[in-house]
Amino acid sequence: MGTVTLGVSIAVPEPYGSQLQQLRAGFGDAAAHGIPTHVTLVPPTEVEADRLPAIRAHLAAVAAAFHAFGMRLAGTGTFRPLSPVVFVQVVEGAPGCTRLQSEVRDPQGPLSRELAFPYHPHVTVAHGISEEAMDLAYSTLAEYAAEWVCEGFALYEQGSDGVWRKLREYPFGTVPTGVPAQPGSRTDTAAEAAVRPS
């Protein structure tokens, strides 16, 4: 069955998500259009495809026991020189993100993994581009602000084209099976077929 590359994240809702994605592309980040604007919970992780049912069950259980929390973005930060990233800061909701990602990455669960750096919730707006372009991103969004209520998270898969596509949404405190991103869509159907016994 092979492997799939998965990620778990909190989507930045509209209109903020598209605004930041367009700005990221405008700064020259070629990956922008393939990465929905998000706060990472689990970074790109390669897993065996037959683990998807267990992963989905685990994510549904985590979401069912979690409650909505406020999220607010304000201003910019950077991981330079350690990592070539400029981001919008999460100034409200960081404790919720931190607890959520810890539960999703439960060492006893199917998405257990070590992180390269200590967890720091953020929204990337520039990655791996020129220093001048990253400086521009940093200054352009220095006064940026957005807020919403986080009511769930989602599972994404990276395609062979490098594009991240939402497989399933997991609303907090609701049904235990999760919600297909687009019921009946090719993405969801293909994902189901990938784990269905032949």
N, C-alpha and C. Protein backbone atom coordinates (compact mmCIF):
# COMPACT_ATOMS: atom_id res chain seq x y z
N MET A 1 0.83 -1.22 0.00
CA MET A 1 0.00 0.00 0.00
C MET A 1 0.86 1.26 0.00
N GLY A 2 2.12 1.15 0.40
CA GLY A 2 3.00 2.30 0.35
C GLY A 2 2.80 3.24 1.52
N THR A 3 3.37 4.43 1.39
CA THR A 3 3.31 5.43 2.45
C THR A 3 2.59 6.69 1.97
N VAL A 4 2.15 7.48 2.92
CA VAL A 4 1.55 8.79 2.64
C VAL A 4 2.21 9.80 3.57
N THR A 5 2.24 11.05 3.15
CA THR A 5 2.76 12.13 3.98
C THR A 5 1.60 12.94 4.50
N LEU A 6 1.47 12.95 5.83
CA LEU A 6 0.34 13.59 6.47
C LEU A 6 0.79 14.78 7.31
N GLY A 7 -0.15 15.66 7.57
CA GLY A 7 0.06 16.76 8.50
C GLY A 7 -1.26 17.04 9.19
N VAL A 8 -1.21 17.57 10.40
CA VAL A 8 -2.41 17.95 11.14
C VAL A 8 -2.26 19.42 11.51
N SER A 9 -3.30 20.19 11.25
CA SER A 9 -3.19 21.62 11.53
C SER A 9 -4.54 22.27 11.76
N ILE A 10 -4.47 23.47 12.31
CA ILE A 10 -5.64 24.33 12.48
C ILE A 10 -5.65 25.29 11.29
N ALA A 11 -6.70 25.25 10.51
CA ALA A 11 -6.80 26.14 9.36
C ALA A 11 -7.08 27.57 9.82
N VAL A 12 -6.41 28.54 9.21
CA VAL A 12 -6.75 29.94 9.43
C VAL A 12 -7.96 30.23 8.56
N PRO A 13 -9.10 30.63 9.15
CA PRO A 13 -10.34 30.77 8.38
C PRO A 13 -10.33 31.96 7.43
N GLU A 14 -11.32 31.96 6.56
CA GLU A 14 -11.49 33.10 5.65
C GLU A 14 -12.09 34.29 6.40
N PRO A 15 -11.76 35.49 5.97
CA PRO A 15 -10.95 35.81 4.78
C PRO A 15 -9.45 35.79 5.04
N TYR A 16 -9.06 35.57 6.29
CA TYR A 16 -7.65 35.69 6.66
C TYR A 16 -6.76 34.67 5.94
N GLY A 17 -7.26 33.44 5.80
CA GLY A 17 -6.44 32.40 5.19
C GLY A 17 -5.98 32.76 3.79
N SER A 18 -6.93 33.18 2.95
CA SER A 18 -6.59 33.53 1.57
C SER A 18 -5.73 34.78 1.50
N GLN A 19 -6.01 35.75 2.37
CA GLN A 19 -5.22 36.98 2.39
C GLN A 19 -3.76 36.68 2.66
N LEU A 20 -3.51 35.88 3.69
CA LEU A 20 -2.13 35.56 4.04
C LEU A 20 -1.46 34.69 2.99
N GLN A 21 -2.22 33.79 2.39
CA GLN A 21 -1.66 32.94 1.34
C GLN A 21 -1.24 33.78 0.13
N GLN A 22 -2.08 34.74 -0.24
CA GLN A 22 -1.75 35.62 -1.37
C GLN A 22 -0.54 36.49 -1.06
N LEU A 23 -0.49 36.98 0.16
CA LEU A 23 0.67 37.78 0.56
C LEU A 23 1.94 36.94 0.53
N ARG A 24 1.84 35.71 1.03
CA ARG A 24 3.01 34.81 1.03
C ARG A 24 3.50 34.58 -0.40
N ALA A 25 2.58 34.36 -1.32
CA ALA A 25 2.97 34.19 -2.72
C ALA A 25 3.60 35.48 -3.26
N GLY A 26 3.06 36.61 -2.86
CA GLY A 26 3.58 37.89 -3.33
C GLY A 26 4.99 38.17 -2.84
N PHE A 27 5.37 37.60 -1.72
CA PHE A 27 6.73 37.77 -1.22
C PHE A 27 7.72 36.88 -1.99
N GLY A 28 7.20 36.02 -2.86
CA GLY A 28 8.07 35.17 -3.67
C GLY A 28 8.21 33.75 -3.18
N ASP A 29 7.35 33.35 -2.23
CA ASP A 29 7.40 31.98 -1.72
C ASP A 29 6.62 31.08 -2.67
N ALA A 30 7.34 30.32 -3.48
CA ALA A 30 6.72 29.50 -4.52
C ALA A 30 5.82 28.41 -3.96
N ALA A 31 6.02 28.03 -2.72
CA ALA A 31 5.22 26.96 -2.12
C ALA A 31 3.87 27.45 -1.62
N ALA A 32 3.65 28.75 -1.63
CA ALA A 32 2.47 29.33 -0.98
C ALA A 32 1.15 28.74 -1.47
N HIS A 33 1.01 28.58 -2.78
CA HIS A 33 -0.28 28.14 -3.32
C HIS A 33 -0.58 26.67 -3.02
N GLY A 34 0.42 25.93 -2.61
CA GLY A 34 0.19 24.52 -2.28
C GLY A 34 0.04 24.26 -0.81
N ILE A 35 0.07 25.35 0.00
CA ILE A 35 0.02 25.19 1.45
C ILE A 35 -1.10 26.08 2.01
N PRO A 36 -2.25 25.52 2.36
CA PRO A 36 -3.28 26.33 2.99
C PRO A 36 -2.75 26.99 4.26
N THR A 37 -3.16 28.22 4.52
CA THR A 37 -2.67 28.96 5.68
C THR A 37 -3.12 28.26 6.97
N HIS A 38 -2.19 28.03 7.88
CA HIS A 38 -2.49 27.15 9.01
C HIS A 38 -1.58 27.38 10.20
N VAL A 39 -1.99 26.80 11.32
CA VAL A 39 -1.13 26.64 12.49
C VAL A 39 -0.86 25.14 12.61
N THR A 40 0.39 24.75 12.51
CA THR A 40 0.75 23.33 12.53
C THR A 40 0.54 22.70 13.91
N LEU A 41 -0.04 21.50 13.89
CA LEU A 41 -0.11 20.67 15.10
C LEU A 41 0.85 19.50 14.98
N VAL A 42 0.87 18.86 13.80
CA VAL A 42 1.83 17.79 13.50
C VAL A 42 2.48 18.14 12.16
N PRO A 43 3.79 18.33 12.12
CA PRO A 43 4.46 18.65 10.86
C PRO A 43 4.44 17.48 9.90
N PRO A 44 4.86 17.69 8.64
CA PRO A 44 4.84 16.60 7.66
C PRO A 44 5.44 15.32 8.21
N THR A 45 4.65 14.26 8.14
CA THR A 45 5.03 12.98 8.72
C THR A 45 4.68 11.86 7.76
N GLU A 46 5.66 11.05 7.40
CA GLU A 46 5.42 9.94 6.48
C GLU A 46 5.01 8.71 7.28
N VAL A 47 3.89 8.12 6.90
CA VAL A 47 3.37 6.94 7.60
C VAL A 47 2.94 5.90 6.58
N GLU A 48 2.83 4.66 7.04
CA GLU A 48 2.28 3.61 6.19
C GLU A 48 0.80 3.90 5.95
N ALA A 49 0.35 3.74 4.71
CA ALA A 49 -1.03 4.07 4.37
C ALA A 49 -2.04 3.25 5.17
N ASP A 50 -1.67 2.03 5.55
CA ASP A 50 -2.63 1.21 6.29
C ASP A 50 -2.82 1.68 7.73
N ARG A 51 -2.08 2.71 8.14
CA ARG A 51 -2.27 3.28 9.48
C ARG A 51 -3.33 4.38 9.49
N LEU A 52 -3.83 4.76 8.32
CA LEU A 52 -4.79 5.85 8.25
C LEU A 52 -6.05 5.62 9.10
N PRO A 53 -6.66 4.44 9.08
CA PRO A 53 -7.85 4.26 9.92
C PRO A 53 -7.57 4.50 11.41
N ALA A 54 -6.44 4.01 11.90
CA ALA A 54 -6.09 4.22 13.31
C ALA A 54 -5.82 5.69 13.59
N ILE A 55 -5.18 6.36 12.65
CA ILE A 55 -4.90 7.79 12.81
C ILE A 55 -6.19 8.58 12.86
N ARG A 56 -7.12 8.25 11.97
CA ARG A 56 -8.40 8.97 11.95
C ARG A 56 -9.18 8.73 13.23
N ALA A 57 -9.16 7.51 13.72
CA ALA A 57 -9.87 7.21 14.97
C ALA A 57 -9.26 7.99 16.13
N HIS A 58 -7.94 8.06 16.16
CA HIS A 58 -7.24 8.79 17.21
C HIS A 58 -7.58 10.28 17.15
N LEU A 59 -7.54 10.87 15.96
CA LEU A 59 -7.85 12.29 15.82
C LEU A 59 -9.29 12.59 16.22
N ALA A 60 -10.21 11.70 15.85
CA ALA A 60 -11.62 11.89 16.22
C ALA A 60 -11.79 11.86 17.73
N ALA A 61 -11.07 10.96 18.40
CA ALA A 61 -11.17 10.86 19.85
C ALA A 61 -10.61 12.12 20.53
N VAL A 62 -9.48 12.62 20.02
CA VAL A 62 -8.89 13.84 20.58
C VAL A 62 -9.86 15.01 20.40
N ALA A 63 -10.41 15.17 19.20
CA ALA A 63 -11.33 16.28 18.92
C ALA A 63 -12.58 16.20 19.77
N ALA A 64 -13.12 14.99 19.95
CA ALA A 64 -14.37 14.84 20.70
C ALA A 64 -14.23 15.30 22.14
N ALA A 65 -13.02 15.20 22.69
CA ALA A 65 -12.80 15.57 24.09
C ALA A 65 -12.30 17.00 24.26
N PHE A 66 -12.12 17.72 23.15
CA PHE A 66 -11.55 19.06 23.22
C PHE A 66 -12.65 20.12 23.10
N HIS A 67 -12.35 21.33 23.58
CA HIS A 67 -13.32 22.42 23.53
C HIS A 67 -12.76 23.59 22.72
N ALA A 68 -13.67 24.37 22.14
CA ALA A 68 -13.28 25.53 21.35
C ALA A 68 -12.49 26.53 22.20
N PHE A 69 -11.59 27.26 21.54
CA PHE A 69 -10.82 28.29 22.25
C PHE A 69 -10.53 29.44 21.29
N GLY A 70 -10.32 30.61 21.87
CA GLY A 70 -10.07 31.79 21.06
C GLY A 70 -8.67 31.80 20.47
N MET A 71 -8.57 32.29 19.24
CA MET A 71 -7.28 32.44 18.56
C MET A 71 -7.14 33.90 18.12
N ARG A 72 -5.97 34.45 18.34
CA ARG A 72 -5.70 35.81 17.86
C ARG A 72 -4.28 35.88 17.33
N LEU A 73 -4.16 36.45 16.14
CA LEU A 73 -2.86 36.67 15.50
C LEU A 73 -2.53 38.15 15.58
N ALA A 74 -1.26 38.47 15.81
CA ALA A 74 -0.86 39.88 15.83
C ALA A 74 0.65 39.98 15.63
N GLY A 75 1.04 40.79 14.64
CA GLY A 75 2.46 41.07 14.43
C GLY A 75 3.23 39.89 13.87
N THR A 76 4.51 40.12 13.70
CA THR A 76 5.37 39.13 13.07
C THR A 76 6.50 38.69 13.98
N GLY A 77 7.07 37.55 13.63
CA GLY A 77 8.25 37.02 14.31
C GLY A 77 9.07 36.25 13.29
N THR A 78 10.22 35.77 13.70
CA THR A 78 11.07 35.00 12.79
C THR A 78 11.87 33.96 13.56
N PHE A 79 12.19 32.88 12.88
CA PHE A 79 13.06 31.86 13.45
C PHE A 79 14.49 32.02 12.94
N ARG A 80 14.74 33.05 12.15
CA ARG A 80 16.10 33.29 11.68
C ARG A 80 17.01 33.63 12.86
N PRO A 81 18.28 33.27 12.83
CA PRO A 81 18.99 32.55 11.76
C PRO A 81 18.90 31.02 11.86
N LEU A 82 18.21 30.52 12.88
CA LEU A 82 18.12 29.08 13.05
C LEU A 82 17.38 28.42 11.90
N SER A 83 16.30 29.06 11.46
CA SER A 83 15.49 28.51 10.36
C SER A 83 14.98 29.68 9.53
N PRO A 84 14.99 29.58 8.18
CA PRO A 84 14.61 30.71 7.33
C PRO A 84 13.10 30.89 7.22
N VAL A 85 12.49 31.33 8.32
CA VAL A 85 11.04 31.45 8.40
C VAL A 85 10.65 32.79 9.00
N VAL A 86 9.66 33.44 8.40
CA VAL A 86 8.99 34.59 8.99
C VAL A 86 7.55 34.18 9.22
N PHE A 87 6.99 34.57 10.35
CA PHE A 87 5.64 34.13 10.67
C PHE A 87 4.83 35.24 11.32
N VAL A 88 3.50 35.06 11.31
CA VAL A 88 2.60 35.89 12.09
C VAL A 88 2.44 35.21 13.45
N GLN A 89 2.52 35.98 14.50
CA GLN A 89 2.51 35.43 15.85
C GLN A 89 1.10 35.05 16.32
N VAL A 90 1.02 33.94 17.04
CA VAL A 90 -0.20 33.56 17.74
C VAL A 90 -0.09 34.16 19.14
N VAL A 91 -0.87 35.23 19.40
CA VAL A 91 -0.76 35.92 20.69
C VAL A 91 -1.88 35.52 21.64
N GLU A 92 -2.89 34.85 21.14
CA GLU A 92 -3.93 34.27 21.99
C GLU A 92 -4.27 32.89 21.42
N GLY A 93 -4.35 31.90 22.28
CA GLY A 93 -4.67 30.56 21.82
C GLY A 93 -3.48 29.62 21.82
N ALA A 94 -2.28 30.14 22.13
CA ALA A 94 -1.08 29.29 22.12
C ALA A 94 -1.18 28.13 23.11
N PRO A 95 -1.69 28.36 24.34
CA PRO A 95 -1.80 27.21 25.25
C PRO A 95 -2.73 26.12 24.72
N GLY A 96 -3.83 26.53 24.07
CA GLY A 96 -4.73 25.55 23.48
C GLY A 96 -4.06 24.77 22.37
N CYS A 97 -3.33 25.47 21.51
CA CYS A 97 -2.60 24.80 20.42
C CYS A 97 -1.57 23.82 20.99
N THR A 98 -0.86 24.26 22.02
CA THR A 98 0.19 23.43 22.60
C THR A 98 -0.39 22.16 23.22
N ARG A 99 -1.48 22.31 23.95
CA ARG A 99 -2.09 21.12 24.56
C ARG A 99 -2.65 20.19 23.49
N LEU A 100 -3.27 20.79 22.46
CA LEU A 100 -3.87 19.99 21.39
C LEU A 100 -2.81 19.19 20.64
N GLN A 101 -1.70 19.84 20.27
CA GLN A 101 -0.67 19.11 19.52
C GLN A 101 -0.04 18.02 20.37
N SER A 102 0.03 18.25 21.68
CA SER A 102 0.57 17.24 22.57
C SER A 102 -0.32 16.00 22.60
N GLU A 103 -1.63 16.22 22.60
CA GLU A 103 -2.57 15.09 22.61
C GLU A 103 -2.57 14.38 21.26
N VAL A 104 -2.48 15.14 20.18
CA VAL A 104 -2.44 14.52 18.85
C VAL A 104 -1.18 13.68 18.69
N ARG A 105 -0.06 14.15 19.24
CA ARG A 105 1.21 13.43 19.14
C ARG A 105 1.45 12.50 20.34
N ASP A 106 0.40 12.12 21.03
CA ASP A 106 0.51 11.24 22.19
C ASP A 106 1.51 10.11 21.92
N PRO A 107 2.52 9.94 22.78
CA PRO A 107 3.53 8.89 22.56
C PRO A 107 2.95 7.49 22.42
N GLN A 108 1.74 7.29 22.96
CA GLN A 108 1.10 5.98 22.84
C GLN A 108 0.19 5.89 21.63
N GLY A 109 0.08 6.98 20.87
CA GLY A 109 -0.85 7.01 19.74
C GLY A 109 -0.17 6.77 18.40
N PRO A 110 -0.96 6.74 17.33
CA PRO A 110 -0.45 6.43 16.00
C PRO A 110 0.31 7.57 15.32
N LEU A 111 0.28 8.77 15.92
CA LEU A 111 1.00 9.91 15.34
C LEU A 111 2.13 10.38 16.25
N SER A 112 2.64 9.48 17.07
CA SER A 112 3.76 9.82 17.94
C SER A 112 4.99 10.15 17.10
N ARG A 113 5.63 11.27 17.40
CA ARG A 113 6.87 11.62 16.72
C ARG A 113 7.59 12.71 17.50
N GLU A 114 8.89 12.74 17.35
CA GLU A 114 9.70 13.79 17.96
C GLU A 114 9.71 15.01 17.05
N LEU A 115 9.86 16.19 17.64
CA LEU A 115 9.96 17.42 16.88
C LEU A 115 11.41 17.88 16.81
N ALA A 116 11.77 18.50 15.69
CA ALA A 116 13.14 18.99 15.52
C ALA A 116 13.41 20.18 16.44
N PHE A 117 12.35 20.95 16.74
CA PHE A 117 12.47 22.13 17.61
C PHE A 117 11.32 22.12 18.61
N PRO A 118 11.45 22.79 19.75
CA PRO A 118 10.32 22.89 20.68
C PRO A 118 9.09 23.48 19.98
N TYR A 119 7.92 22.99 20.33
CA TYR A 119 6.69 23.43 19.66
C TYR A 119 6.46 24.92 19.91
N HIS A 120 6.14 25.65 18.84
CA HIS A 120 5.88 27.09 18.91
C HIS A 120 4.81 27.41 17.89
N PRO A 121 3.54 27.54 18.32
CA PRO A 121 2.47 27.80 17.34
C PRO A 121 2.69 29.11 16.61
N HIS A 122 2.50 29.10 15.30
CA HIS A 122 2.72 30.27 14.47
C HIS A 122 2.06 30.05 13.12
N VAL A 123 1.99 31.11 12.32
CA VAL A 123 1.47 31.04 10.95
C VAL A 123 2.56 31.50 10.00
N THR A 124 3.15 30.58 9.28
CA THR A 124 4.25 30.91 8.37
C THR A 124 3.76 31.78 7.21
N VAL A 125 4.50 32.86 6.94
CA VAL A 125 4.17 33.73 5.81
C VAL A 125 5.35 33.86 4.84
N ALA A 126 6.49 33.28 5.16
CA ALA A 126 7.63 33.26 4.25
C ALA A 126 8.58 32.16 4.72
N HIS A 127 9.06 31.38 3.76
CA HIS A 127 9.95 30.27 4.12
C HIS A 127 10.95 30.03 3.00
N GLY A 128 12.22 30.11 3.34
CA GLY A 128 13.26 29.74 2.38
C GLY A 128 13.41 30.66 1.19
N ILE A 129 13.01 31.92 1.34
CA ILE A 129 13.19 32.88 0.25
C ILE A 129 14.34 33.82 0.61
N SER A 130 14.61 34.80 -0.24
CA SER A 130 15.75 35.67 0.00
C SER A 130 15.59 36.45 1.30
N GLU A 131 16.72 36.86 1.87
CA GLU A 131 16.68 37.63 3.10
C GLU A 131 15.89 38.92 2.91
N GLU A 132 16.06 39.56 1.74
CA GLU A 132 15.35 40.81 1.46
C GLU A 132 13.84 40.58 1.44
N ALA A 133 13.42 39.46 0.82
CA ALA A 133 11.98 39.15 0.76
C ALA A 133 11.43 38.81 2.13
N MET A 134 12.23 38.11 2.93
CA MET A 134 11.77 37.81 4.29
C MET A 134 11.69 39.07 5.14
N ASP A 135 12.62 39.99 4.94
CA ASP A 135 12.55 41.27 5.64
C ASP A 135 11.26 42.02 5.25
N LEU A 136 10.92 41.94 3.96
CA LEU A 136 9.70 42.60 3.48
C LEU A 136 8.47 41.98 4.12
N ALA A 137 8.43 40.65 4.20
CA ALA A 137 7.30 39.96 4.83
C ALA A 137 7.19 40.38 6.30
N TYR A 138 8.33 40.44 6.96
CA TYR A 138 8.36 40.80 8.38
C TYR A 138 7.80 42.20 8.60
N SER A 139 8.19 43.15 7.76
CA SER A 139 7.75 44.53 7.96
C SER A 139 6.33 44.76 7.46
N THR A 140 5.97 44.11 6.35
CA THR A 140 4.64 44.30 5.78
C THR A 140 3.53 43.86 6.73
N LEU A 141 3.78 42.77 7.45
CA LEU A 141 2.75 42.21 8.32
C LEU A 141 2.96 42.56 9.80
N ALA A 142 3.82 43.51 10.06
CA ALA A 142 4.15 43.87 11.44
C ALA A 142 2.91 44.33 12.23
N GLU A 143 1.95 44.91 11.54
CA GLU A 143 0.73 45.39 12.21
C GLU A 143 -0.46 44.49 11.94
N TYR A 144 -0.22 43.33 11.37
CA TYR A 144 -1.32 42.43 11.02
C TYR A 144 -2.04 41.93 12.27
N ALA A 145 -3.36 41.77 12.17
CA ALA A 145 -4.14 41.24 13.28
C ALA A 145 -5.35 40.48 12.75
N ALA A 146 -5.70 39.38 13.41
CA ALA A 146 -6.89 38.60 13.05
C ALA A 146 -7.29 37.80 14.28
N GLU A 147 -8.57 37.50 14.40
CA GLU A 147 -9.01 36.66 15.50
C GLU A 147 -10.23 35.86 15.12
N TRP A 148 -10.37 34.69 15.73
CA TRP A 148 -11.50 33.81 15.50
C TRP A 148 -11.57 32.80 16.64
N VAL A 149 -12.62 31.99 16.63
CA VAL A 149 -12.75 30.92 17.61
C VAL A 149 -12.36 29.61 16.92
N CYS A 150 -11.36 28.94 17.45
CA CYS A 150 -10.92 27.66 16.90
C CYS A 150 -11.89 26.59 17.38
N GLU A 151 -12.54 25.91 16.43
CA GLU A 151 -13.55 24.92 16.76
C GLU A 151 -13.18 23.52 16.28
N GLY A 152 -11.95 23.34 15.84
CA GLY A 152 -11.52 22.03 15.38
C GLY A 152 -10.21 22.12 14.62
N PHE A 153 -9.82 21.00 14.04
CA PHE A 153 -8.59 20.94 13.26
C PHE A 153 -8.82 19.98 12.09
N ALA A 154 -7.80 19.75 11.29
CA ALA A 154 -7.98 18.91 10.10
C ALA A 154 -6.74 18.09 9.80
N LEU A 155 -6.97 16.99 9.10
CA LEU A 155 -5.91 16.11 8.62
C LEU A 155 -5.67 16.41 7.15
N TYR A 156 -4.42 16.57 6.78
CA TYR A 156 -4.04 16.89 5.41
C TYR A 156 -3.08 15.83 4.86
N GLU A 157 -3.10 15.67 3.54
CA GLU A 157 -2.14 14.80 2.87
C GLU A 157 -1.43 15.59 1.79
N GLN A 158 -0.13 15.39 1.68
CA GLN A 158 0.65 16.05 0.64
C GLN A 158 0.67 15.16 -0.59
N GLY A 159 0.23 15.70 -1.73
CA GLY A 159 0.22 14.94 -2.97
C GLY A 159 1.60 14.87 -3.60
N SER A 160 1.72 14.06 -4.63
CA SER A 160 2.99 13.94 -5.35
C SER A 160 3.38 15.25 -6.02
N ASP A 161 2.40 16.15 -6.19
CA ASP A 161 2.68 17.47 -6.77
C ASP A 161 3.11 18.48 -5.72
N GLY A 162 3.24 18.04 -4.47
CA GLY A 162 3.66 18.92 -3.41
C GLY A 162 2.54 19.71 -2.75
N VAL A 163 1.33 19.58 -3.28
CA VAL A 163 0.19 20.34 -2.75
C VAL A 163 -0.44 19.60 -1.57
N TRP A 164 -0.75 20.36 -0.52
CA TRP A 164 -1.42 19.80 0.67
C TRP A 164 -2.93 19.90 0.49
N ARG A 165 -3.62 18.76 0.67
CA ARG A 165 -5.07 18.72 0.51
C ARG A 165 -5.72 18.18 1.78
N LYS A 166 -6.82 18.82 2.15
CA LYS A 166 -7.53 18.42 3.36
C LYS A 166 -8.26 17.10 3.12
N LEU A 167 -8.01 16.13 4.01
CA LEU A 167 -8.68 14.84 3.94
C LEU A 167 -9.93 14.81 4.80
N ARG A 168 -9.83 15.36 6.00
CA ARG A 168 -10.95 15.25 6.93
C ARG A 168 -10.84 16.31 8.01
N GLU A 169 -12.00 16.85 8.39
CA GLU A 169 -12.06 17.83 9.46
C GLU A 169 -12.52 17.14 10.75
N TYR A 170 -12.03 17.66 11.86
CA TYR A 170 -12.36 17.10 13.18
C TYR A 170 -12.85 18.21 14.10
N PRO A 171 -14.17 18.47 14.09
CA PRO A 171 -14.72 19.50 14.98
C PRO A 171 -14.62 19.06 16.43
N PHE A 172 -14.43 20.01 17.32
CA PHE A 172 -14.32 19.70 18.74
C PHE A 172 -15.67 19.27 19.32
N GLY A 173 -15.61 18.31 20.22
CA GLY A 173 -16.77 17.92 21.00
C GLY A 173 -17.97 17.45 20.21
N THR A 174 -17.71 16.81 19.06
CA THR A 174 -18.84 16.40 18.21
C THR A 174 -18.75 14.92 17.88
N VAL A 175 -19.27 14.57 16.71
CA VAL A 175 -19.37 13.18 16.32
C VAL A 175 -18.00 12.50 16.35
N PRO A 176 -17.93 11.23 16.68
CA PRO A 176 -16.66 10.55 16.87
C PRO A 176 -15.95 10.10 15.60
N THR A 177 -16.52 10.36 14.44
CA THR A 177 -15.92 9.85 13.20
C THR A 177 -15.26 10.91 12.35
N GLY A 178 -15.40 12.18 12.73
CA GLY A 178 -14.83 13.23 11.89
C GLY A 178 -15.76 13.55 10.74
N VAL A 179 -15.45 14.61 10.03
CA VAL A 179 -16.28 15.08 8.93
C VAL A 179 -15.44 15.12 7.66
N PRO A 180 -15.86 14.41 6.59
CA PRO A 180 -15.08 14.49 5.35
C PRO A 180 -14.94 15.93 4.90
N ALA A 181 -13.76 16.26 4.39
CA ALA A 181 -13.51 17.63 3.96
C ALA A 181 -14.51 18.05 2.89
N GLN A 182 -14.73 17.20 1.93
CA GLN A 182 -15.68 17.45 0.86
C GLN A 182 -16.36 16.12 0.55
N PRO A 183 -17.48 15.83 1.20
CA PRO A 183 -18.12 14.52 1.01
C PRO A 183 -18.29 14.19 -0.46
N GLY A 184 -17.80 13.00 -0.82
CA GLY A 184 -17.94 12.55 -2.19
C GLY A 184 -16.92 13.12 -3.14
N SER A 185 -16.00 13.95 -2.61
CA SER A 185 -15.00 14.55 -3.49
C SER A 185 -13.97 13.50 -3.90
N ARG A 186 -13.23 13.81 -4.92
CA ARG A 186 -12.19 12.88 -5.39
C ARG A 186 -11.14 12.68 -4.31
N THR A 187 -10.82 13.78 -3.58
CA THR A 187 -9.80 13.68 -2.55
C THR A 187 -10.21 12.70 -1.48
N ASP A 188 -11.44 12.88 -0.96
CA ASP A 188 -11.90 12.03 0.13
C ASP A 188 -12.08 10.59 -0.35
N THR A 189 -12.65 10.44 -1.55
CA THR A 189 -12.86 9.09 -2.08
C THR A 189 -11.55 8.38 -2.31
N ALA A 190 -10.56 9.09 -2.84
CA ALA A 190 -9.27 8.48 -3.09
C ALA A 190 -8.61 8.08 -1.79
N ALA A 191 -8.78 8.92 -0.77
CA ALA A 191 -8.16 8.59 0.51
C ALA A 191 -8.80 7.34 1.11
N GLU A 192 -10.12 7.25 0.97
CA GLU A 192 -10.79 6.06 1.49
C GLU A 192 -10.33 4.82 0.73
N ALA A 193 -10.20 4.98 -0.60
CA ALA A 193 -9.81 3.83 -1.41
C ALA A 193 -8.39 3.38 -1.07
N ALA A 194 -7.57 4.34 -0.67
CA ALA A 194 -6.17 4.02 -0.38
C ALA A 194 -6.03 3.09 0.81
N VAL A 195 -7.03 3.12 1.70
CA VAL A 195 -6.93 2.28 2.89
C VAL A 195 -7.93 1.14 2.88
N ARG A 196 -8.73 1.06 1.80
CA ARG A 196 -9.72 -0.01 1.73
C ARG A 196 -9.06 -1.30 1.27
N PRO A 197 -9.26 -2.40 1.99
CA PRO A 197 -8.66 -3.67 1.54
C PRO A 197 -9.08 -4.03 0.14
N SER A 198 -8.15 -4.55 -0.63
CA SER A 198 -8.48 -4.93 -2.01
C SER A 198 -9.03 -6.32 -2.05
